Every structure is written in structure tokens, then in C-alpha cells.
Amino acid sequence: MAEIVIGGDRLTVRLTAWERMEALHGDVTVPLTAVRSVSVEDQPLTAPHGMRAPGTSVPGVVKAGTWHSSTEGRQFVLANRGRRAVRVDLAEGEVDFDVLVVAVADPEGTAAQVRAAAGL
């Protein structure tokens, strides 16, 4: 399962080898200064909107990769059935993504850790 790791002034989404294949993407790193809000997403499979490119989607089971939307912008998603996720909204234009939605083992604890590190 993916991890959200805080190191210095950066947030990194660390993916497993399997997640890298599903998402067709490597680890994602953003500066903590780009973090605008952090929340827990109860239904992460319904969170991404728009077109998937590149990545994997099996309806109701998994969504992994990049989604492009006119309303949500560019989203990086790692979501699995039955798992809650952390949603990180990022400053527009400062990084490659506008939103990160990542299923993690402890969404509440991880969200609190990111909020504290980002000063929110």
C-alpha cells in the first residue's frame, strides 16, 4: 500500500512496485508549501473526475494514475475498493498535480501528520 511520507519540506507519495505499474507513474513529490488543504476521502473511487491518462481503472475496484478534469484539474489517484484515502489539494500551477487522492493504512493519522507539517 502507498505511503505518504513527510521529509524536510516535501511530501512524497511512495508507491509499491505494483502501484507503479497500475498508475504508470513513479513516486510523487511536492513541496509542503503547495499544500492548501487535507481531508479524508471516504469514497475515493468516486473522487476522480474527468479522463484517465495514463493509468488503470476497474470500475468499483481500483483507480490508479492521472485524471484530467476541467473542474478538478490534474489529479493523481491511488484508490481501492474498501479503503479510505487522504485527499491533498495543492496550489494551482505550483506543481504537476492539483489534487492527490491516496489510499493509505491510517487516513486520519496521515491527514493529521500532513496538516501539521504544512502548518494548516
PDB file of N, CA and C in Angstrom:
ATOM      1  N   MET A   1       0.837  -1.180   0.000  1.00  0.00           N
ATOM      2  CA  MET A   1       0.000   0.000   0.000  1.00  0.00           C
ATOM      3  C   MET A   1       0.883   1.245   0.000  1.00  0.00           C
ATOM      4  N   ALA A   2       0.435   2.257  -0.710  1.00  0.00           N
ATOM      5  CA  ALA A   2       1.178   3.510  -0.802  1.00  0.00           C
ATOM      6  C   ALA A   2       1.332   4.147   0.569  1.00  0.00           C
ATOM      7  N   GLU A   3       2.361   4.969   0.689  1.00  0.00           N
ATOM      8  CA  GLU A   3       2.597   5.726   1.908  1.00  0.00           C
ATOM      9  C   GLU A   3       2.744   7.194   1.544  1.00  0.00           C
ATOM     10  N   ILE A   4       2.281   8.056   2.429  1.00  0.00           N
ATOM     11  CA  ILE A   4       2.557   9.482   2.310  1.00  0.00           C
ATOM     12  C   ILE A   4       3.613   9.781   3.365  1.00  0.00           C
ATOM     13  N   VAL A   5       4.772  10.249   2.910  1.00  0.00           N
ATOM     14  CA  VAL A   5       5.921  10.453   3.774  1.00  0.00           C
ATOM     15  C   VAL A   5       6.303  11.927   3.762  1.00  0.00           C
ATOM     16  N   ILE A   6       6.538  12.476   4.942  1.00  0.00           N
ATOM     17  CA  ILE A   6       6.999  13.852   5.077  1.00  0.00           C
ATOM     18  C   ILE A   6       8.504  13.804   5.323  1.00  0.00           C
ATOM     19  N   GLY A   7       9.254  14.514   4.506  1.00  0.00           N
ATOM     20  CA  GLY A   7      10.702  14.579   4.669  1.00  0.00           C
ATOM     21  C   GLY A   7      11.173  15.995   4.422  1.00  0.00           C
ATOM     22  N   GLY A   8      11.634  16.643   5.476  1.00  0.00           N
ATOM     23  CA  GLY A   8      12.055  18.036   5.339  1.00  0.00           C
ATOM     24  C   GLY A   8      10.887  18.908   4.945  1.00  0.00           C
ATOM     25  N   ASP A   9      11.016  19.586   3.825  1.00  0.00           N
ATOM     26  CA  ASP A   9       9.952  20.487   3.359  1.00  0.00           C
ATOM     27  C   ASP A   9       9.170  19.892   2.197  1.00  0.00           C
ATOM     28  N   ARG A  10       9.149  18.534   2.104  1.00  0.00           N
ATOM     29  CA  ARG A  10       8.485  17.869   0.992  1.00  0.00           C
ATOM     30  C   ARG A  10       7.537  16.769   1.458  1.00  0.00           C
ATOM     31  N   LEU A  11       6.495  16.558   0.665  1.00  0.00           N
ATOM     32  CA  LEU A  11       5.561  15.458   0.846  1.00  0.00           C
ATOM     33  C   LEU A  11       5.794  14.513  -0.324  1.00  0.00           C
ATOM     34  N   THR A  12       5.990  13.230  -0.013  1.00  0.00           N
ATOM     35  CA  THR A  12       6.198  12.244  -1.066  1.00  0.00           C
ATOM     36  C   THR A  12       5.170  11.139  -0.953  1.00  0.00           C
ATOM     37  N   VAL A  13       4.541  10.809  -2.065  1.00  0.00           N
ATOM     38  CA  VAL A  13       3.670   9.638  -2.156  1.00  0.00           C
ATOM     39  C   VAL A  13       4.565   8.518  -2.663  1.00  0.00           C
ATOM     40  N   ARG A  14       4.853   7.569  -1.772  1.00  0.00           N
ATOM     41  CA  ARG A  14       5.746   6.453  -2.097  1.00  0.00           C
ATOM     42  C   ARG A  14       4.891   5.260  -2.526  1.00  0.00           C
ATOM     43  N   LEU A  15       5.092   4.806  -3.754  1.00  0.00           N
ATOM     44  CA  LEU A  15       4.302   3.724  -4.325  1.00  0.00           C
ATOM     45  C   LEU A  15       5.048   2.397  -4.258  1.00  0.00           C
ATOM     46  N   THR A  16       4.273   1.313  -4.163  1.00  0.00           N
ATOM     47  CA  THR A  16       4.852  -0.017  -4.275  1.00  0.00           C
ATOM     48  C   THR A  16       5.118  -0.293  -5.760  1.00  0.00           C
ATOM     49  N   ALA A  17       5.846  -1.352  -6.050  1.00  0.00           N
ATOM     50  CA  ALA A  17       6.122  -1.712  -7.445  1.00  0.00           C
ATOM     51  C   ALA A  17       4.818  -1.970  -8.206  1.00  0.00           C
ATOM     52  N   TRP A  18       3.882  -2.659  -7.563  1.00  0.00           N
ATOM     53  CA  TRP A  18       2.590  -2.944  -8.202  1.00  0.00           C
ATOM     54  C   TRP A  18       1.832  -1.651  -8.502  1.00  0.00           C
ATOM     55  N   GLU A  19       1.820  -0.714  -7.560  1.00  0.00           N
ATOM     56  CA  GLU A  19       1.126   0.560  -7.762  1.00  0.00           C
ATOM     57  C   GLU A  19       1.773   1.369  -8.888  1.00  0.00           C
ATOM     58  N   ARG A  20       3.085   1.278  -9.012  1.00  0.00           N
ATOM     59  CA  ARG A  20       3.769   1.958 -10.116  1.00  0.00           C
ATOM     60  C   ARG A  20       3.277   1.422 -11.464  1.00  0.00           C
ATOM     61  N   MET A  21       3.081   0.118 -11.533  1.00  0.00           N
ATOM     62  CA  MET A  21       2.577  -0.482 -12.775  1.00  0.00           C
ATOM     63  C   MET A  21       1.134  -0.055 -13.035  1.00  0.00           C
ATOM     64  N   GLU A  22       0.304  -0.093 -12.006  1.00  0.00           N
ATOM     65  CA  GLU A  22      -1.101   0.301 -12.178  1.00  0.00           C
ATOM     66  C   GLU A  22      -1.226   1.767 -12.596  1.00  0.00           C
ATOM     67  N   ALA A  23      -0.481   2.622 -11.921  1.00  0.00           N
ATOM     68  CA  ALA A  23      -0.589   4.061 -12.148  1.00  0.00           C
ATOM     69  C   ALA A  23       0.205   4.536 -13.366  1.00  0.00           C
ATOM     70  N   LEU A  24       1.121   3.682 -13.842  1.00  0.00           N
ATOM     71  CA  LEU A  24       2.033   4.096 -14.904  1.00  0.00           C
ATOM     72  C   LEU A  24       2.742   5.383 -14.515  1.00  0.00           C
ATOM     73  N   HIS A  25       3.195   5.403 -13.255  1.00  0.00           N
ATOM     74  CA  HIS A  25       3.799   6.608 -12.685  1.00  0.00           C
ATOM     75  C   HIS A  25       4.699   6.200 -11.533  1.00  0.00           C
ATOM     76  N   GLY A  26       5.703   6.995 -11.257  1.00  0.00           N
ATOM     77  CA  GLY A  26       6.568   6.768 -10.107  1.00  0.00           C
ATOM     78  C   GLY A  26       6.083   7.545  -8.902  1.00  0.00           C
ATOM     79  N   ASP A  27       6.927   7.601  -7.874  1.00  0.00           N
ATOM     80  CA  ASP A  27       6.604   8.367  -6.677  1.00  0.00           C
ATOM     81  C   ASP A  27       6.304   9.817  -7.058  1.00  0.00           C
ATOM     82  N   VAL A  28       5.438  10.456  -6.256  1.00  0.00           N
ATOM     83  CA  VAL A  28       5.075  11.850  -6.485  1.00  0.00           C
ATOM     84  C   VAL A  28       5.589  12.659  -5.297  1.00  0.00           C
ATOM     85  N   THR A  29       6.344  13.711  -5.578  1.00  0.00           N
ATOM     86  CA  THR A  29       6.871  14.583  -4.527  1.00  0.00           C
ATOM     87  C   THR A  29       6.448  16.012  -4.797  1.00  0.00           C
ATOM     88  N   VAL A  30       5.939  16.681  -3.744  1.00  0.00           N
ATOM     89  CA  VAL A  30       5.534  18.084  -3.853  1.00  0.00           C
ATOM     90  C   VAL A  30       6.053  18.839  -2.633  1.00  0.00           C
ATOM     91  N   PRO A  31       6.297  20.127  -2.767  1.00  0.00           N
ATOM     92  CA  PRO A  31       6.710  20.913  -1.595  1.00  0.00           C
ATOM     93  C   PRO A  31       5.524  21.106  -0.649  1.00  0.00           C
ATOM     94  N   LEU A  32       5.803  21.106   0.635  1.00  0.00           N
ATOM     95  CA  LEU A  32       4.724  21.315   1.623  1.00  0.00           C
ATOM     96  C   LEU A  32       4.083  22.690   1.476  1.00  0.00           C
ATOM     97  N   THR A  33       4.815  23.653   0.933  1.00  0.00           N
ATOM     98  CA  THR A  33       4.250  24.988   0.732  1.00  0.00           C
ATOM     99  C   THR A  33       3.124  24.988  -0.296  1.00  0.00           C
ATOM    100  N   ALA A  34       3.036  23.937  -1.130  1.00  0.00           N
ATOM    101  CA  ALA A  34       1.981  23.842  -2.138  1.00  0.00           C
ATOM    102  C   ALA A  34       0.687  23.254  -1.573  1.00  0.00           C
ATOM    103  N   VAL A  35       0.727  22.676  -0.367  1.00  0.00           N
ATOM    104  CA  VAL A  35      -0.452  22.039   0.226  1.00  0.00           C
ATOM    105  C   VAL A  35      -1.429  23.112   0.702  1.00  0.00           C
ATOM    106  N   ARG A  36      -2.670  23.060   0.191  1.00  0.00           N
ATOM    107  CA  ARG A  36      -3.703  24.038   0.557  1.00  0.00           C
ATOM    108  C   ARG A  36      -4.728  23.480   1.538  1.00  0.00           C
ATOM    109  N   SER A  37      -5.038  22.188   1.404  1.00  0.00           N
ATOM    110  CA  SER A  37      -5.963  21.567   2.352  1.00  0.00           C
ATOM    111  C   SER A  37      -5.757  20.060   2.320  1.00  0.00           C
ATOM    112  N   VAL A  38      -6.163  19.428   3.426  1.00  0.00           N
ATOM    113  CA  VAL A  38      -6.022  17.981   3.567  1.00  0.00           C
ATOM    114  C   VAL A  38      -7.303  17.454   4.191  1.00  0.00           C
ATOM    115  N   SER A  39      -7.845  16.377   3.622  1.00  0.00           N
ATOM    116  CA  SER A  39      -9.060  15.778   4.174  1.00  0.00           C
ATOM    117  C   SER A  39      -9.012  14.271   3.971  1.00  0.00           C
ATOM    118  N   VAL A  40      -9.948  13.586   4.632  1.00  0.00           N
ATOM    119  CA  VAL A  40     -10.090  12.142   4.452  1.00  0.00           C
ATOM    120  C   VAL A  40     -11.228  11.910   3.476  1.00  0.00           C
ATOM    121  N   GLU A  41     -10.962  11.115   2.469  1.00  0.00           N
ATOM    122  CA  GLU A  41     -11.941  10.807   1.420  1.00  0.00           C
ATOM    123  C   GLU A  41     -12.541   9.434   1.730  1.00  0.00           C
ATOM    124  N   ASP A  42     -13.833   9.412   2.094  1.00  0.00           N
ATOM    125  CA  ASP A  42     -14.490   8.150   2.440  1.00  0.00           C
ATOM    126  C   ASP A  42     -14.784   7.269   1.231  1.00  0.00           C
ATOM    127  N   GLN A  43     -15.005   7.869   0.071  1.00  0.00           N
ATOM    128  CA  GLN A  43     -15.326   7.142  -1.160  1.00  0.00           C
ATOM    129  C   GLN A  43     -14.326   7.529  -2.259  1.00  0.00           C
ATOM    130  N   PRO A  44     -13.060   7.143  -2.124  1.00  0.00           N
ATOM    131  CA  PRO A  44     -12.052   7.611  -3.083  1.00  0.00           C
ATOM    132  C   PRO A  44     -12.244   7.103  -4.508  1.00  0.00           C
ATOM    133  N   LEU A  45     -12.963   6.003  -4.690  1.00  0.00           N
ATOM    134  CA  LEU A  45     -13.192   5.524  -6.053  1.00  0.00           C
ATOM    135  C   LEU A  45     -14.112   6.452  -6.840  1.00  0.00           C
ATOM    136  N   THR A  46     -14.897   7.270  -6.134  1.00  0.00           N
ATOM    137  CA  THR A  46     -15.769   8.214  -6.821  1.00  0.00           C
ATOM    138  C   THR A  46     -15.156   9.613  -6.885  1.00  0.00           C
ATOM    139  N   ALA A  47     -13.990   9.797  -6.265  1.00  0.00           N
ATOM    140  CA  ALA A  47     -13.371  11.119  -6.200  1.00  0.00           C
ATOM    141  C   ALA A  47     -12.819  11.618  -7.529  1.00  0.00           C
ATOM    142  N   PRO A  48     -12.086  10.811  -8.285  1.00  0.00           N
ATOM    143  CA  PRO A  48     -11.520  11.373  -9.514  1.00  0.00           C
ATOM    144  C   PRO A  48     -12.588  11.629 -10.563  1.00  0.00           C
ATOM    145  N   HIS A  49     -12.434  12.741 -11.256  1.00  0.00           N
ATOM    146  CA  HIS A  49     -13.367  13.112 -12.314  1.00  0.00           C
ATOM    147  C   HIS A  49     -12.573  13.366 -13.584  1.00  0.00           C
ATOM    148  N   GLY A  50     -13.210  13.194 -14.695  1.00  0.00           N
ATOM    149  CA  GLY A  50     -12.571  13.513 -15.961  1.00  0.00           C
ATOM    150  C   GLY A  50     -12.025  12.295 -16.672  1.00  0.00           C
ATOM    151  N   MET A  51     -11.008  12.524 -17.479  1.00  0.00           N
ATOM    152  CA  MET A  51     -10.409  11.492 -18.321  1.00  0.00           C
ATOM    153  C   MET A  51      -9.159  10.927 -17.672  1.00  0.00           C
ATOM    154  N   ARG A  52      -9.026   9.616 -17.730  1.00  0.00           N
ATOM    155  CA  ARG A  52      -7.839   8.943 -17.206  1.00  0.00           C
ATOM    156  C   ARG A  52      -6.779   8.904 -18.296  1.00  0.00           C
ATOM    157  N   ALA A  53      -5.568   9.332 -17.957  1.00  0.00           N
ATOM    158  CA  ALA A  53      -4.477   9.252 -18.930  1.00  0.00           C
ATOM    159  C   ALA A  53      -3.174   9.653 -18.276  1.00  0.00           C
ATOM    160  N   PRO A  54      -2.275   8.785 -18.032  1.00  0.00           N
ATOM    161  CA  PRO A  54      -2.343   7.333 -18.116  1.00  0.00           C
ATOM    162  C   PRO A  54      -2.762   6.735 -16.789  1.00  0.00           C
ATOM    163  N   GLY A  55      -3.032   5.449 -16.778  1.00  0.00           N
ATOM    164  CA  GLY A  55      -3.375   4.771 -15.538  1.00  0.00           C
ATOM    165  C   GLY A  55      -4.284   3.583 -15.761  1.00  0.00           C
ATOM    166  N   THR A  56      -4.844   3.087 -14.641  1.00  0.00           N
ATOM    167  CA  THR A  56      -5.680   1.899 -14.642  1.00  0.00           C
ATOM    168  C   THR A  56      -7.000   2.213 -13.954  1.00  0.00           C
ATOM    169  N   SER A  57      -8.072   1.703 -14.512  1.00  0.00           N
ATOM    170  CA  SER A  57      -9.374   1.851 -13.872  1.00  0.00           C
ATOM    171  C   SER A  57     -10.186   0.586 -14.082  1.00  0.00           C
ATOM    172  N   VAL A  58     -10.605  -0.030 -12.977  1.00  0.00           N
ATOM    173  CA  VAL A  58     -11.543  -1.143 -12.995  1.00  0.00           C
ATOM    174  C   VAL A  58     -12.718  -0.670 -12.147  1.00  0.00           C
ATOM    175  N   PRO A  59     -13.859  -0.344 -12.768  1.00  0.00           N
ATOM    176  CA  PRO A  59     -14.973   0.251 -12.043  1.00  0.00           C
ATOM    177  C   PRO A  59     -15.326  -0.499 -10.760  1.00  0.00           C
ATOM    178  N   GLY A  60     -15.395   0.271  -9.661  1.00  0.00           N
ATOM    179  CA  GLY A  60     -15.748  -0.278  -8.363  1.00  0.00           C
ATOM    180  C   GLY A  60     -14.639  -1.047  -7.671  1.00  0.00           C
ATOM    181  N   VAL A  61     -13.460  -1.155  -8.301  1.00  0.00           N
ATOM    182  CA  VAL A  61     -12.373  -1.952  -7.734  1.00  0.00           C
ATOM    183  C   VAL A  61     -11.112  -1.127  -7.504  1.00  0.00           C
ATOM    184  N   VAL A  62     -10.616  -0.467  -8.541  1.00  0.00           N
ATOM    185  CA  VAL A  62      -9.360   0.272  -8.429  1.00  0.00           C
ATOM    186  C   VAL A  62      -9.327   1.427  -9.418  1.00  0.00           C
ATOM    187  N   LYS A  63      -8.703   2.516  -8.994  1.00  0.00           N
ATOM    188  CA  LYS A  63      -8.355   3.625  -9.872  1.00  0.00           C
ATOM    189  C   LYS A  63      -6.936   4.019  -9.484  1.00  0.00           C
ATOM    190  N   ALA A  64      -6.050   4.036 -10.467  1.00  0.00           N
ATOM    191  CA  ALA A  64      -4.656   4.370 -10.212  1.00  0.00           C
ATOM    192  C   ALA A  64      -4.098   5.125 -11.396  1.00  0.00           C
ATOM    193  N   GLY A  65      -3.548   6.289 -11.141  1.00  0.00           N
ATOM    194  CA  GLY A  65      -2.933   7.043 -12.219  1.00  0.00           C
ATOM    195  C   GLY A  65      -3.327   8.499 -12.212  1.00  0.00           C
ATOM    196  N   THR A  66      -3.365   9.072 -13.398  1.00  0.00           N
ATOM    197  CA  THR A  66      -3.620  10.500 -13.570  1.00  0.00           C
ATOM    198  C   THR A  66      -4.977  10.711 -14.224  1.00  0.00           C
ATOM    199  N   TRP A  67      -5.748  11.612 -13.644  1.00  0.00           N
ATOM    200  CA  TRP A  67      -7.045  12.018 -14.207  1.00  0.00           C
ATOM    201  C   TRP A  67      -6.965  13.497 -14.530  1.00  0.00           C
ATOM    202  N   HIS A  68      -7.611  13.883 -15.628  1.00  0.00           N
ATOM    203  CA  HIS A  68      -7.653  15.284 -16.062  1.00  0.00           C
ATOM    204  C   HIS A  68      -9.103  15.732 -16.085  1.00  0.00           C
ATOM    205  N   SER A  69      -9.380  16.867 -15.442  1.00  0.00           N
ATOM    206  CA  SER A  69     -10.750  17.365 -15.353  1.00  0.00           C
ATOM    207  C   SER A  69     -10.755  18.877 -15.461  1.00  0.00           C
ATOM    208  N   SER A  70     -11.795  19.408 -16.083  1.00  0.00           N
ATOM    209  CA  SER A  70     -11.909  20.867 -16.185  1.00  0.00           C
ATOM    210  C   SER A  70     -12.247  21.498 -14.835  1.00  0.00           C
ATOM    211  N   THR A  71     -12.868  20.747 -13.925  1.00  0.00           N
ATOM    212  CA  THR A  71     -13.225  21.305 -12.616  1.00  0.00           C
ATOM    213  C   THR A  71     -12.206  20.990 -11.526  1.00  0.00           C
ATOM    214  N   GLU A  72     -11.591  19.811 -11.554  1.00  0.00           N
ATOM    215  CA  GLU A  72     -10.648  19.393 -10.515  1.00  0.00           C
ATOM    216  C   GLU A  72      -9.196  19.561 -10.932  1.00  0.00           C
ATOM    217  N   GLY A  73      -8.937  19.810 -12.193  1.00  0.00           N
ATOM    218  CA  GLY A  73      -7.573  19.925 -12.677  1.00  0.00           C
ATOM    219  C   GLY A  73      -6.939  18.554 -12.864  1.00  0.00           C
ATOM    220  N   ARG A  74      -5.637  18.498 -12.689  1.00  0.00           N
ATOM    221  CA  ARG A  74      -4.899  17.241 -12.859  1.00  0.00           C
ATOM    222  C   ARG A  74      -4.813  16.548 -11.502  1.00  0.00           C
ATOM    223  N   GLN A  75      -5.311  15.312 -11.447  1.00  0.00           N
ATOM    224  CA  GLN A  75      -5.408  14.568 -10.187  1.00  0.00           C
ATOM    225  C   GLN A  75      -4.562  13.304 -10.249  1.00  0.00           C
ATOM    226  N   PHE A  76      -3.805  13.040  -9.181  1.00  0.00           N
ATOM    227  CA  PHE A  76      -3.095  11.770  -9.058  1.00  0.00           C
ATOM    228  C   PHE A  76      -3.886  10.925  -8.071  1.00  0.00           C
ATOM    229  N   VAL A  77      -4.266   9.712  -8.501  1.00  0.00           N
ATOM    230  CA  VAL A  77      -5.187   8.885  -7.708  1.00  0.00           C
ATOM    231  C   VAL A  77      -4.632   7.476  -7.510  1.00  0.00           C
ATOM    232  N   LEU A  78      -4.714   6.997  -6.268  1.00  0.00           N
ATOM    233  CA  LEU A  78      -4.467   5.593  -5.922  1.00  0.00           C
ATOM    234  C   LEU A  78      -5.593   5.195  -4.988  1.00  0.00           C
ATOM    235  N   ALA A  79      -6.625   4.573  -5.530  1.00  0.00           N
ATOM    236  CA  ALA A  79      -7.806   4.227  -4.740  1.00  0.00           C
ATOM    237  C   ALA A  79      -8.191   2.769  -4.977  1.00  0.00           C
ATOM    238  N   ASN A  80      -8.602   2.102  -3.891  1.00  0.00           N
ATOM    239  CA  ASN A  80      -9.017   0.702  -3.953  1.00  0.00           C
ATOM    240  C   ASN A  80     -10.327   0.517  -3.219  1.00  0.00           C
ATOM    241  N   ARG A  81     -11.113  -0.453  -3.661  1.00  0.00           N
ATOM    242  CA  ARG A  81     -12.383  -0.772  -3.014  1.00  0.00           C
ATOM    243  C   ARG A  81     -12.151  -1.061  -1.536  1.00  0.00           C
ATOM    244  N   GLY A  82     -12.995  -0.479  -0.696  1.00  0.00           N
ATOM    245  CA  GLY A  82     -12.951  -0.746   0.736  1.00  0.00           C
ATOM    246  C   GLY A  82     -11.885   0.010   1.501  1.00  0.00           C
ATOM    247  N   ARG A  83     -11.158   0.899   0.855  1.00  0.00           N
ATOM    248  CA  ARG A  83     -10.109   1.656   1.546  1.00  0.00           C
ATOM    249  C   ARG A  83     -10.403   3.148   1.461  1.00  0.00           C
ATOM    250  N   ARG A  84     -10.267   3.805   2.606  1.00  0.00           N
ATOM    251  CA  ARG A  84     -10.405   5.258   2.636  1.00  0.00           C
ATOM    252  C   ARG A  84      -9.071   5.877   2.227  1.00  0.00           C
ATOM    253  N   ALA A  85      -9.110   7.148   1.851  1.00  0.00           N
ATOM    254  CA  ALA A  85      -7.912   7.786   1.317  1.00  0.00           C
ATOM    255  C   ALA A  85      -7.719   9.179   1.910  1.00  0.00           C
ATOM    256  N   VAL A  86      -6.538   9.694   1.714  1.00  0.00           N
ATOM    257  CA  VAL A  86      -6.227  11.078   2.063  1.00  0.00           C
ATOM    258  C   VAL A  86      -6.301  11.894   0.777  1.00  0.00           C
ATOM    259  N   ARG A  87      -6.997  13.022   0.851  1.00  0.00           N
ATOM    260  CA  ARG A  87      -7.078  13.949  -0.282  1.00  0.00           C
ATOM    261  C   ARG A  87      -6.250  15.184   0.080  1.00  0.00           C
ATOM    262  N   VAL A  88      -5.308  15.530  -0.800  1.00  0.00           N
ATOM    263  CA  VAL A  88      -4.463  16.703  -0.602  1.00  0.00           C
ATOM    264  C   VAL A  88      -4.708  17.643  -1.778  1.00  0.00           C
ATOM    265  N   ASP A  89      -5.259  18.826  -1.483  1.00  0.00           N
ATOM    266  CA  ASP A  89      -5.459  19.840  -2.511  1.00  0.00           C
ATOM    267  C   ASP A  89      -4.216  20.717  -2.553  1.00  0.00           C
ATOM    268  N   LEU A  90      -3.721  20.948  -3.761  1.00  0.00           N
ATOM    269  CA  LEU A  90      -2.463  21.659  -3.943  1.00  0.00           C
ATOM    270  C   LEU A  90      -2.682  22.996  -4.642  1.00  0.00           C
ATOM    271  N   ALA A  91      -1.722  23.898  -4.469  1.00  0.00           N
ATOM    272  CA  ALA A  91      -1.792  25.212  -5.095  1.00  0.00           C
ATOM    273  C   ALA A  91      -1.743  25.065  -6.606  1.00  0.00           C
ATOM    274  N   GLU A  92      -2.643  25.727  -7.267  1.00  0.00           N
ATOM    275  CA  GLU A  92      -2.746  25.638  -8.716  1.00  0.00           C
ATOM    276  C   GLU A  92      -1.505  26.218  -9.382  1.00  0.00           C
ATOM    277  N   GLY A  93      -0.955  25.453 -10.310  1.00  0.00           N
ATOM    278  CA  GLY A  93       0.171  25.935 -11.086  1.00  0.00           C
ATOM    279  C   GLY A  93       1.539  25.792 -10.449  1.00  0.00           C
ATOM    280  N   GLU A  94       1.607  25.440  -9.161  1.00  0.00           N
ATOM    281  CA  GLU A  94       2.901  25.336  -8.487  1.00  0.00           C
ATOM    282  C   GLU A  94       3.556  23.974  -8.671  1.00  0.00           C
ATOM    283  N   VAL A  95       2.748  22.933  -8.891  1.00  0.00           N
ATOM    284  CA  VAL A  95       3.262  21.566  -9.016  1.00  0.00           C
ATOM    285  C   VAL A  95       2.544  20.855 -10.160  1.00  0.00           C
ATOM    286  N   ASP A  96       2.955  19.631 -10.452  1.00  0.00           N
ATOM    287  CA  ASP A  96       2.385  18.884 -11.577  1.00  0.00           C
ATOM    288  C   ASP A  96       0.923  18.509 -11.389  1.00  0.00           C
ATOM    289  N   PHE A  97       0.470  18.387 -10.139  1.00  0.00           N
ATOM    290  CA  PHE A  97      -0.900  17.967  -9.862  1.00  0.00           C
ATOM    291  C   PHE A  97      -1.636  19.030  -9.062  1.00  0.00           C
ATOM    292  N   ASP A  98      -2.964  19.044  -9.194  1.00  0.00           N
ATOM    293  CA  ASP A  98      -3.815  19.934  -8.404  1.00  0.00           C
ATOM    294  C   ASP A  98      -4.382  19.218  -7.195  1.00  0.00           C
ATOM    295  N   VAL A  99      -4.534  17.883  -7.296  1.00  0.00           N
ATOM    296  CA  VAL A  99      -5.122  17.070  -6.231  1.00  0.00           C
ATOM    297  C   VAL A  99      -4.396  15.731  -6.164  1.00  0.00           C
ATOM    298  N   LEU A 100      -4.151  15.256  -4.937  1.00  0.00           N
ATOM    299  CA  LEU A 100      -3.661  13.902  -4.704  1.00  0.00           C
ATOM    300  C   LEU A 100      -4.729  13.165  -3.913  1.00  0.00           C
ATOM    301  N   VAL A 101      -5.134  11.987  -4.343  1.00  0.00           N
ATOM    302  CA  VAL A 101      -6.070  11.139  -3.604  1.00  0.00           C
ATOM    303  C   VAL A 101      -5.380   9.791  -3.454  1.00  0.00           C
ATOM    304  N   VAL A 102      -4.983   9.457  -2.208  1.00  0.00           N
ATOM    305  CA  VAL A 102      -4.143   8.288  -1.989  1.00  0.00           C
ATOM    306  C   VAL A 102      -4.690   7.441  -0.847  1.00  0.00           C
ATOM    307  N   ALA A 103      -5.017   6.182  -1.138  1.00  0.00           N
ATOM    308  CA  ALA A 103      -5.451   5.246  -0.100  1.00  0.00           C
ATOM    309  C   ALA A 103      -4.237   4.869   0.738  1.00  0.00           C
ATOM    310  N   VAL A 104      -4.379   5.018   2.055  1.00  0.00           N
ATOM    311  CA  VAL A 104      -3.303   4.701   2.997  1.00  0.00           C
ATOM    312  C   VAL A 104      -3.874   3.887   4.148  1.00  0.00           C
ATOM    313  N   ALA A 105      -2.989   3.251   4.915  1.00  0.00           N
ATOM    314  CA  ALA A 105      -3.429   2.396   6.022  1.00  0.00           C
ATOM    315  C   ALA A 105      -4.153   3.178   7.109  1.00  0.00           C
ATOM    316  N   ASP A 106      -3.692   4.382   7.433  1.00  0.00           N
ATOM    317  CA  ASP A 106      -4.282   5.193   8.504  1.00  0.00           C
ATOM    318  C   ASP A 106      -4.600   6.588   7.956  1.00  0.00           C
ATOM    319  N   PRO A 107      -5.751   6.746   7.285  1.00  0.00           N
ATOM    320  CA  PRO A 107      -6.049   8.040   6.666  1.00  0.00           C
ATOM    321  C   PRO A 107      -6.140   9.207   7.646  1.00  0.00           C
ATOM    322  N   GLU A 108      -6.769   9.004   8.802  1.00  0.00           N
ATOM    323  CA  GLU A 108      -6.896  10.097   9.766  1.00  0.00           C
ATOM    324  C   GLU A 108      -5.532  10.528  10.293  1.00  0.00           C
ATOM    325  N   GLY A 109      -4.719   9.560  10.682  1.00  0.00           N
ATOM    326  CA  GLY A 109      -3.386   9.865  11.206  1.00  0.00           C
ATOM    327  C   GLY A 109      -2.496  10.511  10.160  1.00  0.00           C
ATOM    328  N   THR A 110      -2.566  10.010   8.944  1.00  0.00           N
ATOM    329  CA  THR A 110      -1.754  10.573   7.863  1.00  0.00           C
ATOM    330  C   THR A 110      -2.212  11.991   7.540  1.00  0.00           C
ATOM    331  N   ALA A 111      -3.518  12.218   7.478  1.00  0.00           N
ATOM    332  CA  ALA A 111      -4.039  13.566   7.210  1.00  0.00           C
ATOM    333  C   ALA A 111      -3.590  14.540   8.294  1.00  0.00           C
ATOM    334  N   ALA A 112      -3.644  14.123   9.553  1.00  0.00           N
ATOM    335  CA  ALA A 112      -3.209  14.984  10.653  1.00  0.00           C
ATOM    336  C   ALA A 112      -1.715  15.292  10.545  1.00  0.00           C
ATOM    337  N   GLN A 113      -0.922  14.313  10.171  1.00  0.00           N
ATOM    338  CA  GLN A 113       0.517  14.495  10.024  1.00  0.00           C
ATOM    339  C   GLN A 113       0.823  15.503   8.898  1.00  0.00           C
ATOM    340  N   VAL A 114       0.112  15.364   7.777  1.00  0.00           N
ATOM    341  CA  VAL A 114       0.330  16.299   6.654  1.00  0.00           C
ATOM    342  C   VAL A 114      -0.106  17.702   7.045  1.00  0.00           C
ATOM    343  N   ARG A 115      -1.258  17.826   7.706  1.00  0.00           N
ATOM    344  CA  ARG A 115      -1.728  19.152   8.142  1.00  0.00           C
ATOM    345  C   ARG A 115      -0.693  19.821   9.040  1.00  0.00           C
ATOM    346  N   ALA A 116      -0.175  19.079  10.010  1.00  0.00           N
ATOM    347  CA  ALA A 116       0.814  19.637  10.946  1.00  0.00           C
ATOM    348  C   ALA A 116       2.080  20.063  10.210  1.00  0.00           C
ATOM    349  N   ALA A 117       2.555  19.222   9.306  1.00  0.00           N
ATOM    350  CA  ALA A 117       3.792  19.529   8.580  1.00  0.00           C
ATOM    351  C   ALA A 117       3.615  20.739   7.651  1.00  0.00           C
ATOM    352  N   ALA A 118       2.403  20.902   7.096  1.00  0.00           N
ATOM    353  CA  ALA A 118       2.127  22.004   6.189  1.00  0.00           C
ATOM    354  C   ALA A 118       1.694  23.273   6.913  1.00  0.00           C
ATOM    355  N   GLY A 119       1.507  23.174   8.234  1.00  0.00           N
ATOM    356  CA  GLY A 119       1.092  24.337   9.027  1.00  0.00           C
ATOM    357  C   GLY A 119      -0.351  24.714   8.820  1.00  0.00           C
ATOM    358  N   LEU A 120      -1.212  23.724   8.585  1.00  0.00           N
ATOM    359  CA  LEU A 120      -2.651  24.000   8.378  1.00  0.00           C
ATOM    360  C   LEU A 120      -3.453  23.778   9.642  1.00  0.00           C
TER     361      LEU A 120
END
